[in-house]
Amino acid sequence: MNVCDICKEKFKEFPNSPRPIFDEGKCCNRCDDLIVTVARMIEAIDVKCGQTVTANIRQAIQMREGKRQVVAEYRKQQKRAKP
C-alpha cells in the first residue's frame, strides 16, 4: 500500500511521479490527473507561470498539512479532557 505525497491518502495502484510539485516521492492517479499533469502542461506552455503555479500548489499542500496537525492535536486534547 502506497501513500500519496500530495493528498496523503492510501492507494493501491502503481505510483506516479509527483514532479514538478515535489522532486521526490509518489502520488496517486487522482492527484496525477488533477494536479501534477495540469502543472506540467502549464509549465510546458510558460515556464515562469508554471513555476509560480507549482510553488502555490506546494504552499497550499503545506498549509493543509499544518491544519491537519492542529486538528489532530485538538482531538487528542479533547479525548484527554473527557472523564
Protein backbone atom coordinates (compact mmCIF):
# COMPACT_ATOMS: atom_id res chain seq x y z
CA MET A 1 0.00 0.00 0.00
CA ASN A 2 1.33 3.41 -1.00
CA VAL A 3 0.60 6.86 0.47
CA CYS A 4 0.24 9.82 -1.86
CA ASP A 5 2.60 12.69 -1.01
CA ILE A 6 0.04 15.22 -2.24
CA CYS A 7 -3.30 14.15 -0.73
CA LYS A 8 -1.81 11.84 1.96
CA GLU A 9 -4.36 9.12 1.13
CA LYS A 10 -3.51 5.43 0.70
CA PHE A 11 -3.68 3.92 -2.78
CA LYS A 12 -3.06 0.52 -4.35
CA GLU A 13 -2.29 1.40 -7.96
CA PHE A 14 1.18 1.89 -9.41
CA PRO A 15 2.63 5.16 -8.06
CA ASN A 16 3.19 8.21 -10.27
CA SER A 17 5.93 10.81 -10.03
CA PRO A 18 4.71 14.00 -8.32
CA ARG A 19 7.22 16.13 -10.24
CA PRO A 20 7.04 19.19 -10.62
CA ILE A 21 5.01 19.52 -7.39
CA PHE A 22 7.60 17.57 -5.38
CA ASP A 23 11.05 16.48 -6.56
CA GLU A 24 10.77 13.09 -4.85
CA GLY A 25 8.03 10.77 -3.68
CA LYS A 26 4.93 9.34 -5.28
CA CYS A 27 1.36 10.30 -5.98
CA CYS A 28 -1.91 8.54 -6.71
CA ASN A 29 -3.65 8.53 -10.10
CA ARG A 30 -6.21 11.10 -8.92
CA CYS A 31 -3.59 13.67 -7.91
CA ASP A 32 -1.56 12.89 -11.02
CA ASP A 33 -4.59 13.60 -13.22
CA LEU A 34 -5.93 16.64 -11.35
CA ILE A 35 -2.78 18.38 -10.12
CA VAL A 36 0.52 17.09 -11.49
CA THR A 37 -0.46 16.79 -15.16
CA VAL A 38 -2.05 20.25 -15.14
CA ALA A 39 1.07 21.76 -13.53
CA ARG A 40 3.24 20.05 -16.16
CA MET A 41 1.10 21.39 -19.02
CA ILE A 42 1.18 24.94 -17.62
CA GLU A 43 4.95 24.68 -17.19
CA ALA A 44 5.32 23.43 -20.77
CA ILE A 45 3.43 26.46 -22.10
CA ASP A 46 5.06 29.07 -19.88
CA VAL A 47 7.94 28.08 -17.60
CA LYS A 48 7.70 31.12 -15.30
CA CYS A 49 3.92 30.78 -14.91
CA GLY A 50 4.32 27.03 -14.33
CA GLN A 51 6.87 27.63 -11.59
CA THR A 52 4.52 30.10 -9.89
CA VAL A 53 1.61 27.64 -10.07
CA THR A 54 3.79 24.83 -8.73
CA ALA A 55 5.01 26.99 -5.82
CA ASN A 56 1.41 27.95 -4.97
CA ILE A 57 0.31 24.30 -5.02
CA ARG A 58 3.21 23.32 -2.72
CA GLN A 59 2.27 26.10 -0.31
CA ALA A 60 -1.38 25.01 -0.27
CA ILE A 61 -0.36 21.40 0.45
CA GLN A 62 1.87 22.53 3.34
CA MET A 63 -0.91 24.71 4.78
CA ARG A 64 -3.40 21.83 4.57
CA GLU A 65 -0.94 19.52 6.33
CA GLY A 66 -0.44 22.12 9.07
CA LYS A 67 -4.21 22.35 9.57
CA ARG A 68 -4.45 18.55 9.81
CA GLN A 69 -1.81 18.55 12.55
CA VAL A 70 -3.64 21.26 14.50
CA VAL A 71 -6.93 19.36 14.25
CA ALA A 72 -5.28 16.09 15.32
CA GLU A 73 -3.70 17.77 18.36
CA TYR A 74 -7.03 19.38 19.30
CA ARG A 75 -8.79 16.00 19.11
CA LYS A 76 -6.12 14.41 21.33
CA GLN A 77 -6.60 17.16 23.91
CA GLN A 78 -10.38 16.70 23.82
CA LYS A 79 -10.01 12.95 24.44
CA ARG A 80 -7.70 13.58 27.39
CA ALA A 81 -10.12 16.13 28.88
CA LYS A 82 -13.08 13.69 28.88
CA PRO A 83 -13.56 11.96 32.24
